[in-house]
Protein backbone atom coordinates (compact mmCIF):
# COMPACT_ATOMS: atom_id res chain seq x y z
CA MET A 1 42.95 124.63 17.45
CA ILE A 2 42.29 122.39 13.91
CA GLN A 3 41.84 126.28 12.48
CA ASP A 4 45.48 127.25 13.94
CA ILE A 5 46.23 124.52 12.23
CA LYS A 6 44.65 124.81 8.74
CA LEU A 7 46.14 128.64 8.50
CA ARG A 8 49.49 127.26 9.31
CA PHE A 9 49.42 124.90 5.91
CA GLU A 10 47.61 127.49 4.21
CA ARG A 11 50.68 129.97 5.11
CA LEU A 12 53.11 127.11 4.07
CA ILE A 13 51.59 126.24 0.69
CA ALA A 14 51.59 129.82 -0.26
CA LEU A 15 54.84 130.19 0.93
CA TYR A 16 55.94 127.20 -1.07
CA GLU A 17 53.92 128.66 -4.08
CA ALA A 18 55.59 131.50 -4.30
CA GLN A 19 59.42 129.84 -3.67
CA LYS A 20 58.38 127.80 -6.93
CA GLU A 21 57.70 130.54 -8.65
CA ARG A 22 61.00 132.08 -7.96
CA SER A 23 62.31 129.15 -8.74
CA GLU A 24 61.26 129.32 -12.11
CA ASN A 25 61.80 132.50 -12.45
CA LEU A 26 65.51 132.45 -11.73
CA SER A 27 65.80 128.74 -13.91
CA SER A 28 64.61 130.94 -16.79
CA GLU A 29 66.63 134.26 -16.01
CA LEU A 30 69.88 131.38 -15.65
CA VAL A 31 69.25 130.03 -19.58
CA ARG A 32 68.32 133.52 -20.84
CA CYS A 33 71.76 135.01 -19.38
CA ARG A 34 73.62 131.23 -21.11
CA GLU A 35 72.11 132.32 -24.14
CA SER A 36 73.17 135.88 -24.11
CA ASN A 37 76.74 135.01 -22.30
CA GLU A 38 77.02 132.65 -25.89
CA ALA A 39 75.79 135.37 -28.21
CA LEU A 40 78.72 137.55 -26.32
CA VAL A 41 81.48 135.02 -27.01
CA LYS A 42 80.98 134.60 -30.56
CA GLN A 43 80.82 138.14 -30.90
CA ASN A 44 84.00 138.60 -28.65
CA ALA A 45 85.55 135.79 -31.52
CA ASP A 46 84.17 137.69 -34.15
CA LEU A 47 85.95 140.58 -32.95
CA LYS A 48 89.31 139.33 -32.49
CA ASN A 49 89.21 137.53 -35.73
CA GLN A 50 88.32 141.41 -37.59
CA ILE A 51 91.74 142.67 -34.98
CA ASP A 52 93.82 140.40 -36.49
CA LYS A 53 93.15 140.87 -39.63
CA LEU A 54 92.90 144.85 -39.56
CA LYS A 55 96.57 144.14 -37.75
CA LEU A 56 97.26 141.84 -40.67
CA SER A 57 96.04 144.05 -43.23
CA ALA A 58 98.21 147.11 -41.42
CA ALA A 59 101.60 145.23 -41.27
CA PHE A 60 101.02 144.49 -45.66
CA ARG A 61 100.34 148.30 -45.96
CA ALA A 62 103.18 150.33 -46.77
CA ASN A 63 103.49 154.02 -44.88
CA ASP A 64 101.00 155.88 -47.69
CA GLY A 65 99.72 153.08 -49.20
CA SER A 66 96.03 152.70 -49.17
CA ALA A 67 94.31 149.66 -47.90
CA SER A 68 93.52 148.44 -51.24
CA GLU A 69 96.80 148.64 -51.95
CA ALA A 70 97.58 146.30 -48.90
CA LYS A 71 94.67 143.99 -49.82
CA GLU A 72 96.06 143.42 -53.38
CA ARG A 73 99.68 142.79 -52.00
CA ILE A 74 98.02 140.33 -49.35
CA GLU A 75 96.31 138.64 -52.57
CA ARG A 76 99.80 138.26 -54.42
CA LEU A 77 101.55 136.96 -51.89
CA VAL A 78 98.66 134.03 -51.32
CA GLY A 79 98.69 133.48 -54.57
CA GLU A 80 102.66 133.16 -54.71
CA ILE A 81 102.04 130.17 -51.53
CA ASP A 82 99.72 128.61 -53.80
CA LYS A 83 101.85 128.16 -56.23
CA CYS A 84 104.77 126.94 -53.88
CA ILE A 85 102.73 124.85 -52.41
CA SER A 86 101.68 123.04 -55.70
CA LEU A 87 105.49 123.08 -56.74
CA LEU A 88 105.71 121.15 -53.84
CA GLU A 89 103.27 118.74 -54.32
CA SER A 90 103.80 117.65 -57.50
């Protein structure tokens, strides 16, 4: 009888240790998944930013113009906007 209780107790301890290890593994995996999720969210934001820049560039690009011409035009427009802002401030 005592031997039977001892065996059951040992099994219970073994089950506890197995569940404890599983819990630790799942906690570690959860941390890794959260870190991965954060990195993917940042990558997604960066890609959306790149898409917006490409759309803006395409909007200013003439039908047969090049990307460098579009960039120059955007820079000129930004310069003109800066001049307008400085005139409004004075």
